[in-house]
Amino acid sequence: MSLAHAITQTIQAHGLRTTRVADRLYDIQNRSTFYRMLNGATKEPRLVTLVQLCIALETTPSELLELADVWSPNTPGRAGPDDLRLRHASAATSGTADGREAMGGAARRRAGYSLGR
């Protein structure tokens, strides 16, 4: 199942409307990304966008990504959403992230960190 289909199913399961979810995404850029994700144009959103979307959908990143068949807690060797958060936090303290110098928040946003590899 695609991420777009997983989002649509989650919206329906919670009895929400698409516009209500978009209203819960206060950042206009995240609203645009939300609609692009629904249309299938964006398949690898930034982590912060995914987290904000999950808050708006009243779900967790793990549940949404598992529903989309992007991640499963039982898949060996694949990092989960919590692993990404921990690696990101350790990069901020150690000064490197996967061989790259740690960047400030604005630089990370400009670099467009995403979930995809």
PDB file of N, CA and C in Angstrom:
ATOM      1  N   MET A   1       0.845  -1.169   0.000  1.00  0.00           N
ATOM      2  CA  MET A   1       0.000   0.000   0.000  1.00  0.00           C
ATOM      3  C   MET A   1       0.896   1.240   0.000  1.00  0.00           C
ATOM      4  N   SER A   2       0.478   2.250  -0.677  1.00  0.00           N
ATOM      5  CA  SER A   2       1.265   3.476  -0.746  1.00  0.00           C
ATOM      6  C   SER A   2       1.026   4.350   0.477  1.00  0.00           C
ATOM      7  N   LEU A   3       1.903   5.318   0.669  1.00  0.00           N
ATOM      8  CA  LEU A   3       1.749   6.268   1.761  1.00  0.00           C
ATOM      9  C   LEU A   3       0.455   7.057   1.593  1.00  0.00           C
ATOM     10  N   ALA A   4       0.128   7.427   0.366  1.00  0.00           N
ATOM     11  CA  ALA A   4      -1.104   8.173   0.103  1.00  0.00           C
ATOM     12  C   ALA A   4      -2.326   7.368   0.527  1.00  0.00           C
ATOM     13  N   HIS A   5      -2.326   6.082   0.196  1.00  0.00           N
ATOM     14  CA  HIS A   5      -3.456   5.227   0.557  1.00  0.00           C
ATOM     15  C   HIS A   5      -3.531   5.045   2.076  1.00  0.00           C
ATOM     16  N   ALA A   6      -2.389   4.920   2.723  1.00  0.00           N
ATOM     17  CA  ALA A   6      -2.356   4.774   4.188  1.00  0.00           C
ATOM     18  C   ALA A   6      -2.903   6.027   4.861  1.00  0.00           C
ATOM     19  N   ILE A   7      -2.557   7.188   4.344  1.00  0.00           N
ATOM     20  CA  ILE A   7      -3.063   8.450   4.901  1.00  0.00           C
ATOM     21  C   ILE A   7      -4.576   8.522   4.715  1.00  0.00           C
ATOM     22  N   THR A   8      -5.047   8.189   3.526  1.00  0.00           N
ATOM     23  CA  THR A   8      -6.481   8.217   3.236  1.00  0.00           C
ATOM     24  C   THR A   8      -7.235   7.260   4.149  1.00  0.00           C
ATOM     25  N   GLN A   9      -6.709   6.057   4.340  1.00  0.00           N
ATOM     26  CA  GLN A   9      -7.354   5.091   5.230  1.00  0.00           C
ATOM     27  C   GLN A   9      -7.396   5.594   6.669  1.00  0.00           C
ATOM     28  N   THR A  10      -6.317   6.215   7.113  1.00  0.00           N
ATOM     29  CA  THR A  10      -6.265   6.737   8.476  1.00  0.00           C
ATOM     30  C   THR A  10      -7.260   7.872   8.655  1.00  0.00           C
ATOM     31  N   ILE A  11      -7.384   8.729   7.667  1.00  0.00           N
ATOM     32  CA  ILE A  11      -8.367   9.820   7.709  1.00  0.00           C
ATOM     33  C   ILE A  11      -9.769   9.248   7.848  1.00  0.00           C
ATOM     34  N   GLN A  12     -10.079   8.247   7.023  1.00  0.00           N
ATOM     35  CA  GLN A  12     -11.405   7.635   7.065  1.00  0.00           C
ATOM     36  C   GLN A  12     -11.650   6.906   8.383  1.00  0.00           C
ATOM     37  N   ALA A  13     -10.636   6.196   8.883  1.00  0.00           N
ATOM     38  CA  ALA A  13     -10.785   5.443  10.132  1.00  0.00           C
ATOM     39  C   ALA A  13     -11.073   6.351  11.325  1.00  0.00           C
ATOM     40  N   HIS A  14     -10.528   7.562  11.287  1.00  0.00           N
ATOM     41  CA  HIS A  14     -10.752   8.506  12.385  1.00  0.00           C
ATOM     42  C   HIS A  14     -11.960   9.414  12.143  1.00  0.00           C
ATOM     43  N   GLY A  15     -12.638   9.222  11.014  1.00  0.00           N
ATOM     44  CA  GLY A  15     -13.818  10.031  10.713  1.00  0.00           C
ATOM     45  C   GLY A  15     -13.493  11.488  10.468  1.00  0.00           C
ATOM     46  N   LEU A  16     -12.308  11.748   9.936  1.00  0.00           N
ATOM     47  CA  LEU A  16     -11.871  13.118   9.672  1.00  0.00           C
ATOM     48  C   LEU A  16     -12.152  13.501   8.221  1.00  0.00           C
ATOM     49  N   ARG A  17     -12.046  14.766   7.949  1.00  0.00           N
ATOM     50  CA  ARG A  17     -12.106  15.272   6.582  1.00  0.00           C
ATOM     51  C   ARG A  17     -10.714  15.755   6.200  1.00  0.00           C
ATOM     52  N   THR A  18     -10.405  15.682   4.938  1.00  0.00           N
ATOM     53  CA  THR A  18      -9.102  16.100   4.438  1.00  0.00           C
ATOM     54  C   THR A  18      -8.811  17.549   4.812  1.00  0.00           C
ATOM     55  N   THR A  19      -9.802  18.406   4.674  1.00  0.00           N
ATOM     56  CA  THR A  19      -9.602  19.826   4.996  1.00  0.00           C
ATOM     57  C   THR A  19      -9.332  20.021   6.486  1.00  0.00           C
ATOM     58  N   ARG A  20      -9.947  19.200   7.332  1.00  0.00           N
ATOM     59  CA  ARG A  20      -9.719  19.316   8.788  1.00  0.00           C
ATOM     60  C   ARG A  20      -8.277  18.934   9.131  1.00  0.00           C
ATOM     61  N   VAL A  21      -7.777  17.877   8.477  1.00  0.00           N
ATOM     62  CA  VAL A  21      -6.383  17.480   8.699  1.00  0.00           C
ATOM     63  C   VAL A  21      -5.456  18.599   8.232  1.00  0.00           C
ATOM     64  N   ALA A  22      -5.728  19.168   7.068  1.00  0.00           N
ATOM     65  CA  ALA A  22      -4.906  20.263   6.542  1.00  0.00           C
ATOM     66  C   ALA A  22      -4.926  21.458   7.488  1.00  0.00           C
ATOM     67  N   ASP A  23      -6.084  21.747   8.081  1.00  0.00           N
ATOM     68  CA  ASP A  23      -6.180  22.858   9.038  1.00  0.00           C
ATOM     69  C   ASP A  23      -5.324  22.610  10.271  1.00  0.00           C
ATOM     70  N   ARG A  24      -5.160  21.355  10.651  1.00  0.00           N
ATOM     71  CA  ARG A  24      -4.348  21.025  11.822  1.00  0.00           C
ATOM     72  C   ARG A  24      -2.850  21.180  11.539  1.00  0.00           C
ATOM     73  N   LEU A  25      -2.490  21.228  10.266  1.00  0.00           N
ATOM     74  CA  LEU A  25      -1.091  21.452   9.878  1.00  0.00           C
ATOM     75  C   LEU A  25      -0.905  22.956   9.733  1.00  0.00           C
ATOM     76  N   TYR A  26      -0.414  23.580  10.774  1.00  0.00           N
ATOM     77  CA  TYR A  26      -0.367  25.037  10.824  1.00  0.00           C
ATOM     78  C   TYR A  26       0.583  25.637   9.807  1.00  0.00           C
ATOM     79  N   ASP A  27       1.647  24.952   9.479  1.00  0.00           N
ATOM     80  CA  ASP A  27       2.639  25.447   8.529  1.00  0.00           C
ATOM     81  C   ASP A  27       2.111  25.261   7.110  1.00  0.00           C
ATOM     82  N   ILE A  28       2.045  26.330   6.345  1.00  0.00           N
ATOM     83  CA  ILE A  28       1.501  26.288   4.979  1.00  0.00           C
ATOM     84  C   ILE A  28       2.297  25.329   4.098  1.00  0.00           C
ATOM     85  N   GLN A  29       3.604  25.249   4.321  1.00  0.00           N
ATOM     86  CA  GLN A  29       4.434  24.334   3.537  1.00  0.00           C
ATOM     87  C   GLN A  29       4.051  22.880   3.834  1.00  0.00           C
ATOM     88  N   ASN A  30       3.752  22.576   5.087  1.00  0.00           N
ATOM     89  CA  ASN A  30       3.337  21.220   5.432  1.00  0.00           C
ATOM     90  C   ASN A  30       1.965  20.891   4.857  1.00  0.00           C
ATOM     91  N   ARG A  31       1.094  21.879   4.759  1.00  0.00           N
ATOM     92  CA  ARG A  31      -0.209  21.656   4.117  1.00  0.00           C
ATOM     93  C   ARG A  31      -0.018  21.283   2.655  1.00  0.00           C
ATOM     94  N   SER A  32       0.858  22.010   1.986  1.00  0.00           N
ATOM     95  CA  SER A  32       1.126  21.718   0.576  1.00  0.00           C
ATOM     96  C   SER A  32       1.698  20.314   0.418  1.00  0.00           C
ATOM     97  N   THR A  33       2.626  19.968   1.290  1.00  0.00           N
ATOM     98  CA  THR A  33       3.223  18.638   1.244  1.00  0.00           C
ATOM     99  C   THR A  33       2.156  17.580   1.520  1.00  0.00           C
ATOM    100  N   PHE A  34       1.256  17.850   2.444  1.00  0.00           N
ATOM    101  CA  PHE A  34       0.165  16.928   2.762  1.00  0.00           C
ATOM    102  C   PHE A  34      -0.655  16.612   1.513  1.00  0.00           C
ATOM    103  N   TYR A  35      -1.058  17.642   0.781  1.00  0.00           N
ATOM    104  CA  TYR A  35      -1.845  17.416  -0.432  1.00  0.00           C
ATOM    105  C   TYR A  35      -1.023  16.691  -1.506  1.00  0.00           C
ATOM    106  N   ARG A  36       0.282  17.013  -1.597  1.00  0.00           N
ATOM    107  CA  ARG A  36       1.137  16.296  -2.553  1.00  0.00           C
ATOM    108  C   ARG A  36       1.277  14.825  -2.150  1.00  0.00           C
ATOM    109  N   MET A  37       1.317  14.553  -0.850  1.00  0.00           N
ATOM    110  CA  MET A  37       1.388  13.160  -0.387  1.00  0.00           C
ATOM    111  C   MET A  37       0.095  12.434  -0.728  1.00  0.00           C
ATOM    112  N   LEU A  38      -1.042  13.087  -0.565  1.00  0.00           N
ATOM    113  CA  LEU A  38      -2.324  12.467  -0.907  1.00  0.00           C
ATOM    114  C   LEU A  38      -2.420  12.142  -2.392  1.00  0.00           C
ATOM    115  N   ASN A  39      -1.818  12.989  -3.220  1.00  0.00           N
ATOM    116  CA  ASN A  39      -1.841  12.772  -4.672  1.00  0.00           C
ATOM    117  C   ASN A  39      -0.751  11.820  -5.146  1.00  0.00           C
ATOM    118  N   GLY A  40       0.120  11.414  -4.233  1.00  0.00           N
ATOM    119  CA  GLY A  40       1.192  10.495  -4.604  1.00  0.00           C
ATOM    120  C   GLY A  40       2.420  11.184  -5.168  1.00  0.00           C
ATOM    121  N   ALA A  41       2.428  12.517  -5.212  1.00  0.00           N
ATOM    122  CA  ALA A  41       3.573  13.244  -5.767  1.00  0.00           C
ATOM    123  C   ALA A  41       4.749  13.259  -4.794  1.00  0.00           C
ATOM    124  N   THR A  42       4.475  13.255  -3.492  1.00  0.00           N
ATOM    125  CA  THR A  42       5.520  13.213  -2.476  1.00  0.00           C
ATOM    126  C   THR A  42       5.442  11.873  -1.775  1.00  0.00           C
ATOM    127  N   LYS A  43       6.503  11.097  -1.896  1.00  0.00           N
ATOM    128  CA  LYS A  43       6.521   9.763  -1.302  1.00  0.00           C
ATOM    129  C   LYS A  43       7.476   9.668  -0.126  1.00  0.00           C
ATOM    130  N   GLU A  44       8.365  10.648   0.020  1.00  0.00           N
ATOM    131  CA  GLU A  44       9.341  10.650   1.107  1.00  0.00           C
ATOM    132  C   GLU A  44       9.357  12.022   1.781  1.00  0.00           C
ATOM    133  N   PRO A  45       8.381  12.271   2.655  1.00  0.00           N
ATOM    134  CA  PRO A  45       8.330  13.581   3.308  1.00  0.00           C
ATOM    135  C   PRO A  45       9.442  13.722   4.340  1.00  0.00           C
ATOM    136  N   ARG A  46       9.746  14.960   4.671  1.00  0.00           N
ATOM    137  CA  ARG A  46      10.708  15.209   5.755  1.00  0.00           C
ATOM    138  C   ARG A  46      10.138  14.639   7.044  1.00  0.00           C
ATOM    139  N   LEU A  47      11.014  14.272   7.941  1.00  0.00           N
ATOM    140  CA  LEU A  47      10.594  13.664   9.195  1.00  0.00           C
ATOM    141  C   LEU A  47       9.687  14.594   9.992  1.00  0.00           C
ATOM    142  N   VAL A  48      10.018  15.871  10.055  1.00  0.00           N
ATOM    143  CA  VAL A  48       9.202  16.820  10.810  1.00  0.00           C
ATOM    144  C   VAL A  48       7.801  16.912  10.202  1.00  0.00           C
ATOM    145  N   THR A  49       7.684  16.851   8.894  1.00  0.00           N
ATOM    146  CA  THR A  49       6.381  16.895   8.235  1.00  0.00           C
ATOM    147  C   THR A  49       5.582  15.641   8.570  1.00  0.00           C
ATOM    148  N   LEU A  50       6.241  14.495   8.539  1.00  0.00           N
ATOM    149  CA  LEU A  50       5.572  13.244   8.867  1.00  0.00           C
ATOM    150  C   LEU A  50       5.069  13.254  10.307  1.00  0.00           C
ATOM    151  N   VAL A  51       5.880  13.744  11.226  1.00  0.00           N
ATOM    152  CA  VAL A  51       5.475  13.792  12.632  1.00  0.00           C
ATOM    153  C   VAL A  51       4.285  14.732  12.804  1.00  0.00           C
ATOM    154  N   GLN A  52       4.331  15.908  12.196  1.00  0.00           N
ATOM    155  CA  GLN A  52       3.212  16.844  12.302  1.00  0.00           C
ATOM    156  C   GLN A  52       1.945  16.261  11.678  1.00  0.00           C
ATOM    157  N   LEU A  53       2.098  15.544  10.574  1.00  0.00           N
ATOM    158  CA  LEU A  53       0.946  14.903   9.944  1.00  0.00           C
ATOM    159  C   LEU A  53       0.357  13.844  10.872  1.00  0.00           C
ATOM    160  N   CYS A  54       1.208  13.063  11.503  1.00  0.00           N
ATOM    161  CA  CYS A  54       0.723  12.027  12.416  1.00  0.00           C
ATOM    162  C   CYS A  54      -0.001  12.632  13.612  1.00  0.00           C
ATOM    163  N   ILE A  55       0.468  13.753  14.097  1.00  0.00           N
ATOM    164  CA  ILE A  55      -0.232  14.448  15.180  1.00  0.00           C
ATOM    165  C   ILE A  55      -1.616  14.878  14.696  1.00  0.00           C
ATOM    166  N   ALA A  56      -1.681  15.424  13.492  1.00  0.00           N
ATOM    167  CA  ALA A  56      -2.960  15.855  12.923  1.00  0.00           C
ATOM    168  C   ALA A  56      -3.894  14.670  12.685  1.00  0.00           C
ATOM    169  N   LEU A  57      -3.325  13.516  12.331  1.00  0.00           N
ATOM    170  CA  LEU A  57      -4.123  12.310  12.068  1.00  0.00           C
ATOM    171  C   LEU A  57      -4.423  11.513  13.334  1.00  0.00           C
ATOM    172  N   GLU A  58      -3.859  11.948  14.454  1.00  0.00           N
ATOM    173  CA  GLU A  58      -4.037  11.251  15.731  1.00  0.00           C
ATOM    174  C   GLU A  58      -3.527   9.811  15.646  1.00  0.00           C
ATOM    175  N   THR A  59      -2.346   9.652  15.084  1.00  0.00           N
ATOM    176  CA  THR A  59      -1.696   8.354  14.961  1.00  0.00           C
ATOM    177  C   THR A  59      -0.207   8.528  15.220  1.00  0.00           C
ATOM    178  N   THR A  60       0.549   7.461  15.121  1.00  0.00           N
ATOM    179  CA  THR A  60       1.995   7.542  15.302  1.00  0.00           C
ATOM    180  C   THR A  60       2.691   7.302  13.976  1.00  0.00           C
ATOM    181  N   PRO A  61       3.923   7.791  13.831  1.00  0.00           N
ATOM    182  CA  PRO A  61       4.661   7.511  12.599  1.00  0.00           C
ATOM    183  C   PRO A  61       4.813   6.010  12.363  1.00  0.00           C
ATOM    184  N   SER A  62       5.042   5.247  13.414  1.00  0.00           N
ATOM    185  CA  SER A  62       5.195   3.796  13.262  1.00  0.00           C
ATOM    186  C   SER A  62       3.939   3.171  12.670  1.00  0.00           C
ATOM    187  N   GLU A  63       2.775   3.562  13.188  1.00  0.00           N
ATOM    188  CA  GLU A  63       1.517   3.003  12.686  1.00  0.00           C
ATOM    189  C   GLU A  63       1.286   3.374  11.226  1.00  0.00           C
ATOM    190  N   LEU A  64       1.523   4.636  10.887  1.00  0.00           N
ATOM    191  CA  LEU A  64       1.295   5.080   9.519  1.00  0.00           C
ATOM    192  C   LEU A  64       2.259   4.418   8.549  1.00  0.00           C
ATOM    193  N   LEU A  65       3.536   4.357   8.907  1.00  0.00           N
ATOM    194  CA  LEU A  65       4.532   3.751   8.020  1.00  0.00           C
ATOM    195  C   LEU A  65       4.336   2.244   7.894  1.00  0.00           C
ATOM    196  N   GLU A  66       3.889   1.604   8.959  1.00  0.00           N
ATOM    197  CA  GLU A  66       3.613   0.178   8.885  1.00  0.00           C
ATOM    198  C   GLU A  66       2.407  -0.078   7.985  1.00  0.00           C
ATOM    199  N   LEU A  67       1.371   0.746   8.094  1.00  0.00           N
ATOM    200  CA  LEU A  67       0.195   0.622   7.244  1.00  0.00           C
ATOM    201  C   LEU A  67       0.565   0.821   5.772  1.00  0.00           C
ATOM    202  N   ALA A  68       1.514   1.714   5.513  1.00  0.00           N
ATOM    203  CA  ALA A  68       1.955   1.996   4.142  1.00  0.00           C
ATOM    204  C   ALA A  68       2.959   0.966   3.622  1.00  0.00           C
ATOM    205  N   ASP A  69       3.284  -0.036   4.443  1.00  0.00           N
ATOM    206  CA  ASP A  69       4.289  -1.055   4.080  1.00  0.00           C
ATOM    207  C   ASP A  69       5.662  -0.451   3.813  1.00  0.00           C
ATOM    208  N   VAL A  70       5.957   0.654   4.475  1.00  0.00           N
ATOM    209  CA  VAL A  70       7.259   1.295   4.347  1.00  0.00           C
ATOM    210  C   VAL A  70       8.203   0.784   5.420  1.00  0.00           C
ATOM    211  N   TRP A  71       7.634   0.436   6.582  1.00  0.00           N
ATOM    212  CA  TRP A  71       8.437  -0.005   7.709  1.00  0.00           C
ATOM    213  C   TRP A  71       7.643  -1.006   8.527  1.00  0.00           C
ATOM    214  N   SER A  72       8.347  -1.969   9.080  1.00  0.00           N
ATOM    215  CA  SER A  72       7.724  -2.943   9.969  1.00  0.00           C
ATOM    216  C   SER A  72       8.662  -3.178  11.142  1.00  0.00           C
ATOM    217  N   PRO A  73       8.127  -3.265  12.354  1.00  0.00           N
ATOM    218  CA  PRO A  73       9.010  -3.493  13.498  1.00  0.00           C
ATOM    219  C   PRO A  73       9.676  -4.861  13.455  1.00  0.00           C
ATOM    220  N   ASN A  74       9.173  -5.768  12.638  1.00  0.00           N
ATOM    221  CA  ASN A  74       9.707  -7.124  12.557  1.00  0.00           C
ATOM    222  C   ASN A  74      10.704  -7.317  11.425  1.00  0.00           C
ATOM    223  N   THR A  75      11.002  -6.261  10.680  1.00  0.00           N
ATOM    224  CA  THR A  75      11.929  -6.376   9.569  1.00  0.00           C
ATOM    225  C   THR A  75      13.351  -6.174  10.081  1.00  0.00           C
ATOM    226  N   PRO A  76      14.176  -7.220  10.047  1.00  0.00           N
ATOM    227  CA  PRO A  76      15.549  -7.069  10.554  1.00  0.00           C
ATOM    228  C   PRO A  76      16.365  -6.142   9.666  1.00  0.00           C
ATOM    229  N   GLY A  77      17.199  -5.352  10.327  1.00  0.00           N
ATOM    230  CA  GLY A  77      18.121  -4.495   9.590  1.00  0.00           C
ATOM    231  C   GLY A  77      17.541  -3.193   9.090  1.00  0.00           C
ATOM    232  N   ARG A  78      16.270  -2.914   9.372  1.00  0.00           N
ATOM    233  CA  ARG A  78      15.666  -1.658   8.922  1.00  0.00           C
ATOM    234  C   ARG A  78      15.441  -0.759  10.116  1.00  0.00           C
ATOM    235  N   ALA A  79      15.853   0.470   9.982  1.00  0.00           N
ATOM    236  CA  ALA A  79      15.684   1.439  11.068  1.00  0.00           C
ATOM    237  C   ALA A  79      14.228   1.858  11.149  1.00  0.00           C
ATOM    238  N   GLY A  80      13.739   1.983  12.351  1.00  0.00           N
ATOM    239  CA  GLY A  80      12.384   2.460  12.573  1.00  0.00           C
ATOM    240  C   GLY A  80      12.384   3.949  12.864  1.00  0.00           C
ATOM    241  N   PRO A  81      11.213   4.567  12.964  1.00  0.00           N
ATOM    242  CA  PRO A  81      11.129   6.000  13.241  1.00  0.00           C
ATOM    243  C   PRO A  81      11.856   6.391  14.522  1.00  0.00           C
ATOM    244  N   ASP A  82      11.785   5.546  15.549  1.00  0.00           N
ATOM    245  CA  ASP A  82      12.467   5.866  16.800  1.00  0.00           C
ATOM    246  C   ASP A  82      13.978   5.811  16.619  1.00  0.00           C
ATOM    247  N   ASP A  83      14.472   4.875  15.799  1.00  0.00           N
ATOM    248  CA  ASP A  83      15.900   4.783  15.530  1.00  0.00           C
ATOM    249  C   ASP A  83      16.396   6.042  14.819  1.00  0.00           C
ATOM    250  N   LEU A  84      15.572   6.586  13.906  1.00  0.00           N
ATOM    251  CA  LEU A  84      15.948   7.804  13.193  1.00  0.00           C
ATOM    252  C   LEU A  84      16.073   8.964  14.169  1.00  0.00           C
ATOM    253  N   ARG A  85      15.150   9.042  15.121  1.00  0.00           N
ATOM    254  CA  ARG A  85      15.183  10.114  16.108  1.00  0.00           C
ATOM    255  C   ARG A  85      16.437   9.996  16.966  1.00  0.00           C
ATOM    256  N   LEU A  86      16.757   8.782  17.399  1.00  0.00           N
ATOM    257  CA  LEU A  86      17.924   8.588  18.242  1.00  0.00           C
ATOM    258  C   LEU A  86      19.212   8.899  17.492  1.00  0.00           C
ATOM    259  N   ARG A  87      19.306   8.477  16.242  1.00  0.00           N
ATOM    260  CA  ARG A  87      20.505   8.750  15.458  1.00  0.00           C
ATOM    261  C   ARG A  87      20.669  10.246  15.252  1.00  0.00           C
ATOM    262  N   HIS A  88      19.546  10.932  15.015  1.00  0.00           N
ATOM    263  CA  HIS A  88      19.570  12.371  14.798  1.00  0.00           C
ATOM    264  C   HIS A  88      20.027  13.086  16.072  1.00  0.00           C
ATOM    265  N   ALA A  89      19.547  12.633  17.220  1.00  0.00           N
ATOM    266  CA  ALA A  89      19.928  13.243  18.500  1.00  0.00           C
ATOM    267  C   ALA A  89      21.406  13.002  18.799  1.00  0.00           C
ATOM    268  N   SER A  90      21.891  11.805  18.502  1.00  0.00           N
ATOM    269  CA  SER A  90      23.301  11.527  18.773  1.00  0.00           C
ATOM    270  C   SER A  90      24.196  12.298  17.812  1.00  0.00           C
ATOM    271  N   ALA A  91      23.711  12.563  16.612  1.00  0.00           N
ATOM    272  CA  ALA A  91      24.494  13.342  15.655  1.00  0.00           C
ATOM    273  C   ALA A  91      24.674  14.770  16.149  1.00  0.00           C
ATOM    274  N   ALA A  92      23.640  15.297  16.792  1.00  0.00           N
ATOM    275  CA  ALA A  92      23.724  16.668  17.296  1.00  0.00           C
ATOM    276  C   ALA A  92      24.762  16.789  18.403  1.00  0.00           C
ATOM    277  N   THR A  93      24.948  15.718  19.165  1.00  0.00           N
ATOM    278  CA  THR A  93      25.914  15.785  20.250  1.00  0.00           C
ATOM    279  C   THR A  93      27.309  15.356  19.817  1.00  0.00           C
ATOM    280  N   SER A  94      27.392  14.455  18.828  1.00  0.00           N
ATOM    281  CA  SER A  94      28.703  13.957  18.418  1.00  0.00           C
ATOM    282  C   SER A  94      29.337  14.792  17.311  1.00  0.00           C
ATOM    283  N   GLY A  95      28.531  15.554  16.584  1.00  0.00           N
ATOM    284  CA  GLY A  95      29.087  16.396  15.536  1.00  0.00           C
ATOM    285  C   GLY A  95      29.036  15.785  14.146  1.00  0.00           C
ATOM    286  N   THR A  96      28.606  14.527  14.020  1.00  0.00           N
ATOM    287  CA  THR A  96      28.499  13.925  12.698  1.00  0.00           C
ATOM    288  C   THR A  96      27.207  13.148  12.583  1.00  0.00           C
ATOM    289  N   ALA A  97      26.744  12.995  11.369  1.00  0.00           N
ATOM    290  CA  ALA A  97      25.553  12.194  11.082  1.00  0.00           C
ATOM    291  C   ALA A  97      25.808  11.438   9.789  1.00  0.00           C
ATOM    292  N   ASP A  98      26.033  10.140   9.902  1.00  0.00           N
ATOM    293  CA  ASP A  98      26.305   9.315   8.726  1.00  0.00           C
ATOM    294  C   ASP A  98      27.477   9.867   7.916  1.00  0.00           C
ATOM    295  N   GLY A  99      28.520  10.330   8.590  1.00  0.00           N
ATOM    296  CA  GLY A  99      29.689  10.844   7.902  1.00  0.00           C
ATOM    297  C   GLY A  99      29.586  12.298   7.501  1.00  0.00           C
ATOM    298  N   ARG A 100      28.484  12.952   7.787  1.00  0.00           N
ATOM    299  CA  ARG A 100      28.316  14.368   7.446  1.00  0.00           C
ATOM    300  C   ARG A 100      28.444  15.195   8.709  1.00  0.00           C
ATOM    301  N   GLU A 101      28.891  16.418   8.550  1.00  0.00           N
ATOM    302  CA  GLU A 101      28.960  17.321   9.696  1.00  0.00           C
ATOM    303  C   GLU A 101      27.535  17.638  10.143  1.00  0.00           C
ATOM    304  N   ALA A 102      27.329  17.732  11.447  1.00  0.00           N
ATOM    305  CA  ALA A 102      26.014  18.086  11.979  1.00  0.00           C
ATOM    306  C   ALA A 102      25.699  19.521  11.573  1.00  0.00           C
ATOM    307  N   MET A 103      24.442  19.726  11.171  1.00  0.00           N
ATOM    308  CA  MET A 103      24.014  21.042  10.727  1.00  0.00           C
ATOM    309  C   MET A 103      23.005  21.601  11.712  1.00  0.00           C
ATOM    310  N   GLY A 104      22.872  22.907  11.726  1.00  0.00           N
ATOM    311  CA  GLY A 104      21.848  23.543  12.537  1.00  0.00           C
ATOM    312  C   GLY A 104      20.475  23.261  11.951  1.00  0.00           C
ATOM    313  N   GLY A 105      19.417  23.579  12.707  1.00  0.00           N
ATOM    314  CA  GLY A 105      18.050  23.288  12.271  1.00  0.00           C
ATOM    315  C   GLY A 105      17.694  23.886  10.930  1.00  0.00           C
ATOM    316  N   ALA A 106      18.047  25.165  10.696  1.00  0.00           N
ATOM    317  CA  ALA A 106      17.717  25.808   9.430  1.00  0.00           C
ATOM    318  C   ALA A 106      18.444  25.142   8.272  1.00  0.00           C
ATOM    319  N   ALA A 107      19.696  24.764   8.486  1.00  0.00           N
ATOM    320  CA  ALA A 107      20.461  24.098   7.425  1.00  0.00           C
ATOM    321  C   ALA A 107      19.862  22.732   7.114  1.00  0.00           C
ATOM    322  N   ARG A 108      19.398  22.013   8.138  1.00  0.00           N
ATOM    323  CA  ARG A 108      18.776  20.708   7.902  1.00  0.00           C
ATOM    324  C   ARG A 108      17.501  20.873   7.093  1.00  0.00           C
ATOM    325  N   ARG A 109      16.720  21.902   7.410  1.00  0.00           N
ATOM    326  CA  ARG A 109      15.478  22.112   6.658  1.00  0.00           C
ATOM    327  C   ARG A 109      15.788  22.434   5.198  1.00  0.00           C
ATOM    328  N   ARG A 110      16.811  23.277   4.973  1.00  0.00           N
ATOM    329  CA  ARG A 110      17.177  23.602   3.593  1.00  0.00           C
ATOM    330  C   ARG A 110      17.690  22.373   2.862  1.00  0.00           C
ATOM    331  N   ALA A 111      18.390  21.505   3.575  1.00  0.00           N
ATOM    332  CA  ALA A 111      18.924  20.295   2.960  1.00  0.00           C
ATOM    333  C   ALA A 111      17.820  19.298   2.639  1.00  0.00           C
ATOM    334  N   GLY A 112      16.646  19.478   3.258  1.00  0.00           N
ATOM    335  CA  GLY A 112      15.503  18.626   2.943  1.00  0.00           C
ATOM    336  C   GLY A 112      15.643  17.214   3.440  1.00  0.00           C
ATOM    337  N   TYR A 113      16.085  17.059   4.710  1.00  0.00           N
ATOM    338  CA  TYR A 113      16.167  15.706   5.261  1.00  0.00           C
ATOM    339  C   TYR A 113      14.836  14.994   5.074  1.00  0.00           C
ATOM    340  N   SER A 114      14.899  13.765   4.646  1.00  0.00           N
ATOM    341  CA  SER A 114      13.691  12.979   4.447  1.00  0.00           C
ATOM    342  C   SER A 114      13.860  11.603   5.033  1.00  0.00           C
ATOM    343  N   LEU A 115      12.791  10.823   5.018  1.00  0.00           N
ATOM    344  CA  LEU A 115      12.834   9.465   5.555  1.00  0.00           C
ATOM    345  C   LEU A 115      13.497   8.499   4.610  1.00  0.00           C
ATOM    346  N   GLY A 116      13.448   8.781   3.320  1.00  0.00           N
ATOM    347  CA  GLY A 116      13.992   7.845   2.334  1.00  0.00           C
ATOM    348  C   GLY A 116      15.489   7.778   2.356  1.00  0.00           C
ATOM    349  N   ARG A 117      15.989   6.712   1.880  1.00  0.00           N
ATOM    350  CA  ARG A 117      17.434   6.535   1.789  1.00  0.00           C
ATOM    351  C   ARG A 117      17.842   6.603   0.347  1.00  0.00           C
TER     352      ARG A 117
END
